């Protein structure tokens, strides 16, 4: 496979956070036989799972504390900001892979 195509496909796995967060990396992981591409597809898929787990967990914690304002603020800081950090990480990784 062409090295440029490998870079583009690997980068799109990270950028798919905005258009097909779980589907695209999973399809690439199972459809492509290249080790480098599947490595990036797996990393991006796992990083896309974090917000899926973190945001509902924050909502559950807030609900269990009867929507105590302190619990809501801690949940937003803990889970919201880390989900934002994961989004930024995906963008940075996509750019790094693409520009290599």
Protein backbone atom coordinates (compact mmCIF):
# COMPACT_ATOMS: atom_id res chain seq x y z
CA UNK A 1 0.00 0.00 0.00
CA UNK A 2 1.17 3.51 -0.78
CA UNK A 3 2.77 5.20 2.30
CA UNK A 4 0.74 8.36 1.71
CA UNK A 5 -2.50 6.35 1.73
CA UNK A 6 -1.38 4.66 4.96
CA UNK A 7 -0.81 8.03 6.61
CA UNK A 8 -4.13 9.42 5.43
CA UNK A 9 -6.09 6.36 6.54
CA UNK A 10 -4.38 6.33 9.95
CA UNK A 11 -5.03 10.05 10.45
CA UNK A 12 -8.69 9.73 9.45
CA UNK A 13 -9.09 7.11 12.18
CA UNK A 14 -8.25 9.81 14.75
CA UNK A 15 -10.29 12.52 13.01
CA UNK A 16 -13.31 10.21 12.79
CA UNK A 17 -14.12 11.37 16.31
CA UNK A 18 -16.17 14.06 14.54
CA UNK A 19 -18.08 11.96 12.01
CA UNK A 20 -18.05 8.22 12.93
CA UNK A 21 -16.31 7.78 16.27
CA UNK A 22 -16.55 4.03 16.72
CA UNK A 23 -17.57 2.76 13.35
CA UNK A 24 -14.73 4.02 11.17
CA UNK A 25 -11.79 2.84 13.31
CA UNK A 26 -13.47 -0.54 13.85
CA UNK A 27 -14.05 -1.04 10.13
CA UNK A 28 -10.47 -0.01 9.34
CA UNK A 29 -9.11 -2.30 12.05
CA UNK A 30 -10.88 -5.36 10.64
CA UNK A 31 -10.68 -4.49 6.94
CA UNK A 32 -7.03 -3.46 6.56
CA UNK A 33 -4.17 -5.91 6.99
CA UNK A 34 -1.37 -3.37 7.46
CA UNK A 35 0.06 -3.42 11.01
CA UNK A 36 0.72 0.34 11.15
CA UNK A 37 -2.81 1.25 10.15
CA UNK A 38 -4.43 -1.25 12.52
CA UNK A 39 -2.23 0.09 15.34
CA UNK A 40 -3.61 3.60 14.85
CA UNK A 41 -7.15 2.31 14.30
CA UNK A 42 -7.04 0.46 17.62
CA UNK A 43 -5.60 3.46 19.50
CA UNK A 44 -8.20 5.81 18.07
CA UNK A 45 -11.05 3.39 18.78
CA UNK A 46 -10.01 3.03 22.41
CA UNK A 47 -9.67 6.79 22.81
CA UNK A 48 -13.15 7.26 21.30
CA UNK A 49 -14.56 4.95 23.99
CA UNK A 50 -13.44 7.19 26.85
CA UNK A 51 -16.08 9.94 26.41
CA UNK A 52 -18.73 7.26 25.88
CA UNK A 53 -17.92 5.91 29.33
CA UNK A 54 -16.96 9.12 31.15
CA UNK A 55 -19.94 11.34 30.35
CA UNK A 56 -22.67 8.89 31.48
CA UNK A 57 -20.57 8.10 34.55
CA UNK A 58 -20.58 11.81 35.44
CA UNK A 59 -24.34 11.97 34.98
CA UNK A 60 -24.82 8.89 37.18
CA UNK A 61 -22.62 10.34 39.92
CA UNK A 62 -24.57 13.61 39.81
CA UNK A 63 -27.90 11.79 39.94
CA UNK A 64 -26.81 9.56 42.82
CA UNK A 65 -25.92 12.62 44.88
CA UNK A 66 -29.36 14.08 44.10
CA UNK A 67 -27.82 16.66 41.77
CA UNK A 68 -25.77 18.29 44.48
CA UNK A 69 -24.06 21.32 42.94
CA UNK A 70 -20.65 20.23 44.24
CA UNK A 71 -21.04 16.79 42.65
CA UNK A 72 -22.10 18.36 39.36
CA UNK A 73 -19.09 20.69 39.33
CA UNK A 74 -16.70 17.86 40.20
CA UNK A 75 -18.25 15.65 37.50
CA UNK A 76 -17.94 18.37 34.88
CA UNK A 77 -14.34 19.02 35.81
CA UNK A 78 -13.38 15.38 36.09
CA UNK A 79 -15.24 13.88 33.15
CA UNK A 80 -16.01 16.83 30.90
CA UNK A 81 -12.51 18.24 30.81
CA UNK A 82 -10.89 14.84 30.41
CA UNK A 83 -13.24 14.11 27.50
CA UNK A 84 -12.21 17.43 25.98
CA UNK A 85 -8.57 16.48 26.52
CA UNK A 86 -9.16 13.19 24.70
CA UNK A 87 -10.67 15.11 21.78
CA UNK A 88 -7.62 17.39 21.63
CA UNK A 89 -5.33 14.34 21.88
CA UNK A 90 -7.09 12.75 18.89
CA UNK A 91 -6.63 15.91 16.83
CA UNK A 92 -2.94 16.12 17.74
CA UNK A 93 -2.36 12.44 16.98
CA UNK A 94 -4.15 12.75 13.64
CA UNK A 95 -1.99 15.72 12.67
CA UNK A 96 1.20 13.95 13.80
CA UNK A 97 0.37 10.83 11.79
CA UNK A 98 -0.63 12.86 8.75
CA UNK A 99 2.50 15.02 8.72
CA UNK A 100 4.98 12.18 9.23
